[in-house]
Amino acid sequence: MKAIFVTIFPELIETFFSVGVINKAYKESILEFETINPIKFLEKNERLDDSPFGGGPGMLIRSEPIEKAIEESKKLTSKNTKVINLSPQGKKLTQKRAQELSLEKELIFICGRYEGIDQRLIDSLVDEEISIGDYVVTGGELPALVVFETIVRNIKNVLGDINSIKEESFSEEFIEYPQYTRPEKNNLGRVPEVLLSGDHEKIKSWRKKQSLGKTFLNRRDIFPEELDLKDFVLLEEFFSDLGYESDRIATLLKGIKRK
């Protein structure tokens, strides 16, 4: 995949590509990137930003330099390359959307600053707006890199082990189970015995139970409304292991349908 980042801080993007698995994939030509600084399209004494019509706080990035940056980006990719603007008003990024975008060969990311970008550019040249959450950051570079990394982790050979993708949080419907490493016992506690048993079926069942329970407790917004009977029983066991009485468990789970 080739990504082009329209940014006034190209060094942030370059640093990202210099470390870890992203650097490895870049060196192996699995990933490519370019940065285009919209400032280079400004005339002498011309500003990148200006005050919004109608008043209000902050400054907006003018559409013309971003338009020229997109035009140059498409010379380096293709005219049909998807343009993504990072914005709190966009649709929230999900693992499913990241997997869909990982099928693209090229992507252009607009990294805004200040109060955003002139809406005319968004309406005319942006294909999709993506948000990484209901909060505000200073610029679009870090959100763009979050989105990009989430996307490319789904591309073959970016991660060494495809199972790492399949078992991570949100690759399915549930967040990830707890994980432990050596030593088996320390001053903070013991590793659950089941993980030391060597019984792969019991370990798999324990992990699924933990994923179900953690998701129910911490992320009800993504928890499915319906479970198959086996998963429902595991969820009941999760709460029983925590010491919940059967009546309390029944009340807690009464809204979940069983297949």
C-alpha atoms as a PDB file:
ATOM      1  CA  MET A   1       0.000   0.000   0.000  1.00  0.00           C
ATOM      2  CA  LYS A   2       1.100   3.537  -0.752  1.00  0.00           C
ATOM      3  CA  ALA A   3      -0.006   6.377   1.518  1.00  0.00           C
ATOM      4  CA  ILE A   4       0.366  10.093   0.947  1.00  0.00           C
ATOM      5  CA  PHE A   5       0.052  12.447   3.902  1.00  0.00           C
ATOM      6  CA  VAL A   6      -0.837  16.084   3.294  1.00  0.00           C
ATOM      7  CA  THR A   7       0.727  17.756   6.314  1.00  0.00           C
ATOM      8  CA  ILE A   8       2.607  20.845   7.435  1.00  0.00           C
ATOM      9  CA  PHE A   9       4.659  18.619   9.763  1.00  0.00           C
ATOM     10  CA  PRO A  10       6.179  15.918   7.530  1.00  0.00           C
ATOM     11  CA  GLU A  11       8.747  15.046  10.215  1.00  0.00           C
ATOM     12  CA  LEU A  12       5.976  13.501  12.325  1.00  0.00           C
ATOM     13  CA  ILE A  13       5.149  11.100   9.518  1.00  0.00           C
ATOM     14  CA  GLU A  14       8.788  10.331   8.733  1.00  0.00           C
ATOM     15  CA  THR A  15       9.499   9.438  12.368  1.00  0.00           C
ATOM     16  CA  PHE A  16       6.563   7.029  12.393  1.00  0.00           C
ATOM     17  CA  PHE A  17       7.978   5.135   9.428  1.00  0.00           C
ATOM     18  CA  SER A  18      11.422   4.882  11.038  1.00  0.00           C
ATOM     19  CA  VAL A  19      10.585   2.399  13.817  1.00  0.00           C
ATOM     20  CA  GLY A  20       9.039  -1.003  14.504  1.00  0.00           C
ATOM     21  CA  VAL A  21       7.056  -3.221  12.176  1.00  0.00           C
ATOM     22  CA  ILE A  22       6.078  -0.215  10.054  1.00  0.00           C
ATOM     23  CA  ASN A  23       9.742   0.506   9.341  1.00  0.00           C
ATOM     24  CA  LYS A  24      10.327  -3.164   8.515  1.00  0.00           C
ATOM     25  CA  ALA A  25       7.379  -3.222   6.095  1.00  0.00           C
ATOM     26  CA  TYR A  26       8.604   0.042   4.553  1.00  0.00           C
ATOM     27  CA  LYS A  27      12.116  -1.350   4.017  1.00  0.00           C
ATOM     28  CA  GLU A  28      10.617  -4.455   2.425  1.00  0.00           C
ATOM     29  CA  SER A  29       8.505  -2.248   0.095  1.00  0.00           C
ATOM     30  CA  ILE A  30       5.255  -3.614   1.470  1.00  0.00           C
ATOM     31  CA  LEU A  31       4.407  -0.040   2.447  1.00  0.00           C
ATOM     32  CA  GLU A  32       5.306   3.217   0.708  1.00  0.00           C
ATOM     33  CA  PHE A  33       4.695   6.778   1.804  1.00  0.00           C
ATOM     34  CA  GLU A  34       5.102  10.365   0.651  1.00  0.00           C
ATOM     35  CA  THR A  35       4.471  13.643   2.441  1.00  0.00           C
ATOM     36  CA  ILE A  36       3.236  16.778   0.720  1.00  0.00           C
ATOM     37  CA  ASN A  37       3.395  20.078   2.549  1.00  0.00           C
ATOM     38  CA  PRO A  38       0.621  22.459   1.445  1.00  0.00           C
ATOM     39  CA  ILE A  39       2.776  25.422   2.491  1.00  0.00           C
ATOM     40  CA  LYS A  40       4.865  24.968  -0.638  1.00  0.00           C
ATOM     41  CA  PHE A  41       1.863  25.986  -2.753  1.00  0.00           C
ATOM     42  CA  LEU A  42       1.562  29.392  -1.110  1.00  0.00           C
ATOM     43  CA  GLU A  43       2.657  32.577  -2.837  1.00  0.00           C
ATOM     44  CA  LYS A  44       5.002  34.939  -1.039  1.00  0.00           C
ATOM     45  CA  ASN A  45       3.266  36.499   1.991  1.00  0.00           C
ATOM     46  CA  GLU A  46       0.199  34.284   1.447  1.00  0.00           C
ATOM     47  CA  ARG A  47      -1.281  32.589   4.517  1.00  0.00           C
ATOM     48  CA  LEU A  48      -2.233  28.937   4.899  1.00  0.00           C
ATOM     49  CA  ASP A  49      -5.043  29.811   7.292  1.00  0.00           C
ATOM     50  CA  ASP A  50      -7.603  32.562   7.683  1.00  0.00           C
ATOM     51  CA  SER A  51     -10.460  33.534   9.977  1.00  0.00           C
ATOM     52  CA  PRO A  52     -13.865  31.900   9.426  1.00  0.00           C
ATOM     53  CA  PHE A  53     -16.712  33.848   7.843  1.00  0.00           C
ATOM     54  CA  GLY A  54     -19.374  34.656  10.398  1.00  0.00           C
ATOM     55  CA  GLY A  55     -16.840  34.911  13.179  1.00  0.00           C
ATOM     56  CA  GLY A  56     -15.888  32.377  15.786  1.00  0.00           C
ATOM     57  CA  PRO A  57     -12.746  31.183  17.526  1.00  0.00           C
ATOM     58  CA  GLY A  58      -9.593  29.992  15.805  1.00  0.00           C
ATOM     59  CA  MET A  59      -8.509  29.842  12.200  1.00  0.00           C
ATOM     60  CA  LEU A  60      -9.391  27.627   9.235  1.00  0.00           C
ATOM     61  CA  ILE A  61      -7.041  26.174   6.630  1.00  0.00           C
ATOM     62  CA  ARG A  62      -7.846  27.684   3.255  1.00  0.00           C
ATOM     63  CA  SER A  63      -9.001  25.289   0.574  1.00  0.00           C
ATOM     64  CA  GLU A  64      -6.639  26.338  -2.244  1.00  0.00           C
ATOM     65  CA  PRO A  65      -3.311  24.989  -0.879  1.00  0.00           C
ATOM     66  CA  ILE A  66      -4.945  21.710   0.197  1.00  0.00           C
ATOM     67  CA  GLU A  67      -6.590  21.390  -3.222  1.00  0.00           C
ATOM     68  CA  LYS A  68      -3.201  21.766  -4.901  1.00  0.00           C
ATOM     69  CA  ALA A  69      -1.678  19.242  -2.501  1.00  0.00           C
ATOM     70  CA  ILE A  70      -4.392  16.721  -3.366  1.00  0.00           C
ATOM     71  CA  GLU A  71      -3.819  17.330  -7.079  1.00  0.00           C
ATOM     72  CA  GLU A  72      -0.109  16.615  -6.622  1.00  0.00           C
ATOM     73  CA  SER A  73      -0.905  13.556  -4.512  1.00  0.00           C
ATOM     74  CA  LYS A  74      -3.011  12.108  -7.308  1.00  0.00           C
ATOM     75  CA  LYS A  75      -0.123  12.561  -9.734  1.00  0.00           C
ATOM     76  CA  LEU A  76       1.849  10.248  -7.459  1.00  0.00           C
ATOM     77  CA  THR A  77      -0.988   7.742  -7.172  1.00  0.00           C
ATOM     78  CA  SER A  78      -4.064   7.670  -9.377  1.00  0.00           C
ATOM     79  CA  LYS A  79      -6.978  10.016  -9.932  1.00  0.00           C
ATOM     80  CA  ASN A  80      -9.314   7.555  -8.184  1.00  0.00           C
ATOM     81  CA  THR A  81      -7.287   7.278  -4.985  1.00  0.00           C
ATOM     82  CA  LYS A  82      -9.500   7.686  -1.928  1.00  0.00           C
ATOM     83  CA  VAL A  83      -8.983  10.944   0.005  1.00  0.00           C
ATOM     84  CA  ILE A  84      -9.508  10.693   3.769  1.00  0.00           C
ATOM     85  CA  ASN A  85      -9.829  13.699   6.056  1.00  0.00           C
ATOM     86  CA  LEU A  86      -9.227  13.189   9.768  1.00  0.00           C
ATOM     87  CA  SER A  87     -11.952  15.005  11.673  1.00  0.00           C
ATOM     88  CA  PRO A  88     -14.000  14.699  14.891  1.00  0.00           C
ATOM     89  CA  GLN A  89     -17.093  15.042  12.698  1.00  0.00           C
ATOM     90  CA  GLY A  90     -16.222  11.898  10.737  1.00  0.00           C
ATOM     91  CA  LYS A  91     -17.441   8.358  11.276  1.00  0.00           C
ATOM     92  CA  LYS A  92     -15.628   6.639  14.119  1.00  0.00           C
ATOM     93  CA  LEU A  93     -12.923   4.210  13.026  1.00  0.00           C
ATOM     94  CA  THR A  94     -13.750   0.535  13.496  1.00  0.00           C
ATOM     95  CA  GLN A  95     -11.772  -2.632  12.906  1.00  0.00           C
ATOM     96  CA  LYS A  96     -14.237  -3.590  10.167  1.00  0.00           C
ATOM     97  CA  ARG A  97     -13.652  -0.320   8.309  1.00  0.00           C
ATOM     98  CA  ALA A  98      -9.897  -0.693   8.720  1.00  0.00           C
ATOM     99  CA  GLN A  99     -10.080  -4.148   7.160  1.00  0.00           C
ATOM    100  CA  GLU A 100     -12.082  -2.759   4.243  1.00  0.00           C
ATOM    101  CA  LEU A 101      -9.588   0.064   3.682  1.00  0.00           C
ATOM    102  CA  SER A 102      -6.683  -2.393   3.795  1.00  0.00           C
ATOM    103  CA  LEU A 103      -7.845  -3.623   0.377  1.00  0.00           C
ATOM    104  CA  GLU A 104      -7.015  -0.219  -1.158  1.00  0.00           C
ATOM    105  CA  LYS A 105      -3.693   0.043  -2.992  1.00  0.00           C
ATOM    106  CA  GLU A 106      -3.311   3.773  -2.307  1.00  0.00           C
ATOM    107  CA  LEU A 107      -4.726   6.274   0.186  1.00  0.00           C
ATOM    108  CA  ILE A 108      -4.374  10.028   0.695  1.00  0.00           C
ATOM    109  CA  PHE A 109      -4.668  11.411   4.243  1.00  0.00           C
ATOM    110  CA  ILE A 110      -5.427  15.074   4.907  1.00  0.00           C
ATOM    111  CA  CYS A 111      -3.907  16.129   8.230  1.00  0.00           C
ATOM    112  CA  GLY A 112      -5.708  19.297   9.235  1.00  0.00           C
ATOM    113  CA  ARG A 113      -4.686  21.906  11.790  1.00  0.00           C
ATOM    114  CA  TYR A 114      -6.296  24.797  13.664  1.00  0.00           C
ATOM    115  CA  GLU A 115     -10.112  24.651  13.547  1.00  0.00           C
ATOM    116  CA  GLY A 116     -10.219  22.508  10.431  1.00  0.00           C
ATOM    117  CA  ILE A 117     -10.481  23.010   6.670  1.00  0.00           C
ATOM    118  CA  ASP A 118     -12.790  25.096   4.492  1.00  0.00           C
ATOM    119  CA  GLN A 119     -15.949  23.004   4.061  1.00  0.00           C
ATOM    120  CA  ARG A 120     -15.978  23.523   0.294  1.00  0.00           C
ATOM    121  CA  LEU A 121     -12.872  21.367  -0.032  1.00  0.00           C
ATOM    122  CA  ILE A 122     -14.374  18.648   2.151  1.00  0.00           C
ATOM    123  CA  ASP A 123     -17.583  18.635   0.105  1.00  0.00           C
ATOM    124  CA  SER A 124     -15.766  18.563  -3.243  1.00  0.00           C
ATOM    125  CA  LEU A 125     -12.563  16.547  -2.830  1.00  0.00           C
ATOM    126  CA  VAL A 126     -12.769  14.403   0.316  1.00  0.00           C
ATOM    127  CA  ASP A 127     -14.180  10.895  -0.088  1.00  0.00           C
ATOM    128  CA  GLU A 128     -14.444  10.019   3.579  1.00  0.00           C
ATOM    129  CA  GLU A 129     -14.035  11.637   6.984  1.00  0.00           C
ATOM    130  CA  ILE A 130     -12.796   9.465   9.840  1.00  0.00           C
ATOM    131  CA  SER A 131     -12.690  10.163  13.572  1.00  0.00           C
ATOM    132  CA  ILE A 132     -10.596   8.265  16.111  1.00  0.00           C
ATOM    133  CA  GLY A 133     -12.848   9.252  18.992  1.00  0.00           C
ATOM    134  CA  ASP A 134     -15.005  11.866  20.646  1.00  0.00           C
ATOM    135  CA  TYR A 135     -12.217  14.217  21.650  1.00  0.00           C
ATOM    136  CA  VAL A 136     -10.082  16.909  20.058  1.00  0.00           C
ATOM    137  CA  VAL A 137      -6.331  16.891  19.353  1.00  0.00           C
ATOM    138  CA  THR A 138      -4.113  19.651  18.003  1.00  0.00           C
ATOM    139  CA  GLY A 139      -3.721  18.338  14.475  1.00  0.00           C
ATOM    140  CA  GLY A 140      -4.559  15.531  12.095  1.00  0.00           C
ATOM    141  CA  GLU A 141      -1.148  13.868  11.928  1.00  0.00           C
ATOM    142  CA  LEU A 142      -1.509  11.580  14.938  1.00  0.00           C
ATOM    143  CA  PRO A 143      -5.089  10.558  14.036  1.00  0.00           C
ATOM    144  CA  ALA A 144      -3.922   9.855  10.465  1.00  0.00           C
ATOM    145  CA  LEU A 145      -1.150   7.619  11.757  1.00  0.00           C
ATOM    146  CA  VAL A 146      -3.526   5.808  14.097  1.00  0.00           C
ATOM    147  CA  VAL A 147      -5.873   5.136  11.177  1.00  0.00           C
ATOM    148  CA  PHE A 148      -3.021   4.145   8.874  1.00  0.00           C
ATOM    149  CA  GLU A 149      -1.486   1.691  11.346  1.00  0.00           C
ATOM    150  CA  THR A 150      -4.877   0.152  12.081  1.00  0.00           C
ATOM    151  CA  ILE A 151      -5.372  -0.347   8.342  1.00  0.00           C
ATOM    152  CA  VAL A 152      -1.955  -1.750   7.446  1.00  0.00           C
ATOM    153  CA  ARG A 153      -1.890  -4.274  10.283  1.00  0.00           C
ATOM    154  CA  ASN A 154      -4.465  -6.116   8.182  1.00  0.00           C
ATOM    155  CA  ILE A 155      -2.154  -6.306   5.166  1.00  0.00           C
ATOM    156  CA  LYS A 156      -0.355  -9.585   4.568  1.00  0.00           C
ATOM    157  CA  ASN A 157       3.270  -9.680   5.801  1.00  0.00           C
ATOM    158  CA  VAL A 158       3.092  -6.405   7.746  1.00  0.00           C
ATOM    159  CA  LEU A 159       2.766  -8.471  10.931  1.00  0.00           C
ATOM    160  CA  GLY A 160       4.793 -11.626  11.180  1.00  0.00           C
ATOM    161  CA  ASP A 161       1.970 -13.846  12.450  1.00  0.00           C
ATOM    162  CA  ILE A 162      -1.497 -13.660  10.920  1.00  0.00           C
ATOM    163  CA  ASN A 163      -2.874 -15.129  14.178  1.00  0.00           C
ATOM    164  CA  SER A 164      -1.738 -11.944  15.918  1.00  0.00           C
ATOM    165  CA  ILE A 165      -4.353 -10.096  13.893  1.00  0.00           C
ATOM    166  CA  LYS A 166      -7.085 -12.666  14.353  1.00  0.00           C
ATOM    167  CA  GLU A 167      -6.732 -12.902  18.124  1.00  0.00           C
ATOM    168  CA  GLU A 168      -6.357  -9.206  18.934  1.00  0.00           C
ATOM    169  CA  SER A 169      -9.100  -7.046  20.395  1.00  0.00           C
ATOM    170  CA  PHE A 170     -11.834  -6.089  17.901  1.00  0.00           C
ATOM    171  CA  SER A 171     -10.681  -8.556  15.223  1.00  0.00           C
ATOM    172  CA  GLU A 172     -13.816 -10.409  16.213  1.00  0.00           C
ATOM    173  CA  GLU A 173     -16.719  -9.006  18.225  1.00  0.00           C
ATOM    174  CA  PHE A 174     -14.985  -9.058  21.594  1.00  0.00           C
ATOM    175  CA  ILE A 175     -12.054  -7.362  23.280  1.00  0.00           C
ATOM    176  CA  GLU A 176      -8.951  -9.343  24.099  1.00  0.00           C
ATOM    177  CA  TYR A 177      -8.549 -11.802  26.966  1.00  0.00           C
ATOM    178  CA  PRO A 178      -5.987 -11.167  29.768  1.00  0.00           C
ATOM    179  CA  GLN A 179      -2.435 -12.282  29.046  1.00  0.00           C
ATOM    180  CA  TYR A 180       0.444 -13.242  31.358  1.00  0.00           C
ATOM    181  CA  THR A 181       4.130 -14.073  31.069  1.00  0.00           C
ATOM    182  CA  ARG A 182       6.887 -15.450  33.344  1.00  0.00           C
ATOM    183  CA  PRO A 183       7.348 -15.835  36.237  1.00  0.00           C
ATOM    184  CA  GLU A 184       4.328 -17.951  37.137  1.00  0.00           C
ATOM    185  CA  LYS A 185       4.169 -16.286  40.551  1.00  0.00           C
ATOM    186  CA  ASN A 186       5.330 -12.894  41.779  1.00  0.00           C
ATOM    187  CA  ASN A 187       4.406 -10.365  44.451  1.00  0.00           C
ATOM    188  CA  LEU A 188       1.401  -9.252  42.336  1.00  0.00           C
ATOM    189  CA  GLY A 189      -0.177 -12.702  42.103  1.00  0.00           C
ATOM    190  CA  ARG A 190      -0.231 -16.005  40.216  1.00  0.00           C
ATOM    191  CA  VAL A 191      -0.918 -16.876  36.607  1.00  0.00           C
ATOM    192  CA  PRO A 192      -4.308 -18.639  36.258  1.00  0.00           C
ATOM    193  CA  GLU A 193      -3.761 -22.392  36.536  1.00  0.00           C
ATOM    194  CA  VAL A 194      -5.596 -23.151  33.306  1.00  0.00           C
ATOM    195  CA  LEU A 195      -2.900 -21.346  31.303  1.00  0.00           C
ATOM    196  CA  LEU A 196      -0.262 -23.658  32.797  1.00  0.00           C
ATOM    197  CA  SER A 197      -2.249 -26.836  32.160  1.00  0.00           C
ATOM    198  CA  GLY A 198      -1.142 -27.479  28.596  1.00  0.00           C
ATOM    199  CA  ASP A 199      -4.754 -28.324  27.715  1.00  0.00           C
ATOM    200  CA  HIS A 200      -5.317 -26.230  24.598  1.00  0.00           C
ATOM    201  CA  GLU A 201      -9.083 -26.709  24.533  1.00  0.00           C
ATOM    202  CA  LYS A 202      -9.452 -25.546  28.139  1.00  0.00           C
ATOM    203  CA  ILE A 203      -7.175 -22.573  27.437  1.00  0.00           C
ATOM    204  CA  LYS A 204      -9.204 -21.638  24.363  1.00  0.00           C
ATOM    205  CA  SER A 205     -12.445 -21.867  26.343  1.00  0.00           C
ATOM    206  CA  TRP A 206     -11.011 -19.780  29.229  1.00  0.00           C
ATOM    207  CA  ARG A 207      -9.819 -17.093  26.833  1.00  0.00           C
ATOM    208  CA  LYS A 208     -13.203 -16.899  25.127  1.00  0.00           C
ATOM    209  CA  LYS A 209     -14.924 -16.668  28.516  1.00  0.00           C
ATOM    210  CA  GLN A 210     -12.644 -13.809  29.563  1.00  0.00           C
ATOM    211  CA  SER A 211     -13.202 -11.965  26.265  1.00  0.00           C
ATOM    212  CA  LEU A 212     -16.951 -12.292  26.609  1.00  0.00           C
ATOM    213  CA  GLY A 213     -16.940 -11.121  30.206  1.00  0.00           C
ATOM    214  CA  LYS A 214     -14.557  -8.201  29.713  1.00  0.00           C
ATOM    215  CA  THR A 215     -16.484  -6.987  26.697  1.00  0.00           C
ATOM    216  CA  PHE A 216     -19.791  -7.191  28.571  1.00  0.00           C
ATOM    217  CA  LEU A 217     -18.375  -5.270  31.531  1.00  0.00           C
ATOM    218  CA  ASN A 218     -16.295  -2.674  29.708  1.00  0.00           C
ATOM    219  CA  ARG A 219     -17.698  -2.256  26.197  1.00  0.00           C
ATOM    220  CA  ARG A 220     -21.428  -2.844  26.200  1.00  0.00           C
ATOM    221  CA  ASP A 221     -21.625  -0.574  23.148  1.00  0.00           C
ATOM    222  CA  ILE A 222     -20.034  -3.290  20.981  1.00  0.00           C
ATOM    223  CA  PHE A 223     -21.435  -6.344  22.760  1.00  0.00           C
ATOM    224  CA  PRO A 224     -23.755  -8.376  20.493  1.00  0.00           C
ATOM    225  CA  GLU A 225     -27.443  -8.560  21.297  1.00  0.00           C
ATOM    226  CA  GLU A 226     -27.465 -12.293  20.618  1.00  0.00           C
ATOM    227  CA  LEU A 227     -25.088 -15.133  21.627  1.00  0.00           C
ATOM    228  CA  ASP A 228     -25.047 -18.804  20.759  1.00  0.00           C
ATOM    229  CA  LEU A 229     -25.815 -21.095  23.707  1.00  0.00           C
ATOM    230  CA  LYS A 230     -22.171 -22.110  24.228  1.00  0.00           C
ATOM    231  CA  ASP A 231     -21.013 -18.499  24.532  1.00  0.00           C
ATOM    232  CA  PHE A 232     -23.948 -17.621  26.765  1.00  0.00           C
ATOM    233  CA  VAL A 233     -22.976 -20.416  29.167  1.00  0.00           C
ATOM    234  CA  LEU A 234     -19.372 -19.161  29.167  1.00  0.00           C
ATOM    235  CA  LEU A 235     -20.589 -15.679  30.030  1.00  0.00           C
ATOM    236  CA  GLU A 236     -22.635 -17.077  32.910  1.00  0.00           C
ATOM    237  CA  GLU A 237     -19.542 -18.943  34.110  1.00  0.00           C
ATOM    238  CA  PHE A 238     -17.505 -15.730  33.944  1.00  0.00           C
ATOM    239  CA  PHE A 239     -19.824 -13.993  36.403  1.00  0.00           C
ATOM    240  CA  SER A 240     -20.120 -17.112  38.553  1.00  0.00           C
ATOM    241  CA  ASP A 241     -16.321 -17.173  38.832  1.00  0.00           C
ATOM    242  CA  LEU A 242     -16.485 -13.568  40.060  1.00  0.00           C
ATOM    243  CA  GLY A 243     -18.824 -14.666  42.851  1.00  0.00           C
ATOM    244  CA  TYR A 244     -22.125 -13.432  41.421  1.00  0.00           C
ATOM    245  CA  GLU A 245     -25.274 -15.234  42.640  1.00  0.00           C
ATOM    246  CA  SER A 246     -27.374 -17.000  39.998  1.00  0.00           C
ATOM    247  CA  ASP A 247     -30.298 -14.575  40.411  1.00  0.00           C
ATOM    248  CA  ARG A 248     -28.008 -11.605  39.875  1.00  0.00           C
ATOM    249  CA  ILE A 249     -26.477 -13.234  36.789  1.00  0.00           C
ATOM    250  CA  ALA A 250     -29.923 -13.918  35.323  1.00  0.00           C
ATOM    251  CA  THR A 251     -30.947 -10.289  35.858  1.00  0.00           C
ATOM    252  CA  LEU A 252     -27.700  -8.992  34.377  1.00  0.00           C
ATOM    253  CA  LEU A 253     -27.972 -11.101  31.227  1.00  0.00           C
ATOM    254  CA  LYS A 254     -31.731 -11.015  30.692  1.00  0.00           C
ATOM    255  CA  GLY A 255     -31.465  -8.706  27.679  1.00  0.00           C
ATOM    256  CA  ILE A 256     -29.205 -11.058  25.709  1.00  0.00           C
ATOM    257  CA  LYS A 257     -30.910 -13.366  23.259  1.00  0.00           C
ATOM    258  CA  ARG A 258     -29.734 -16.953  22.800  1.00  0.00           C
ATOM    259  CA  LYS A 259     -29.463 -18.516  19.368  1.00  0.00           C
END
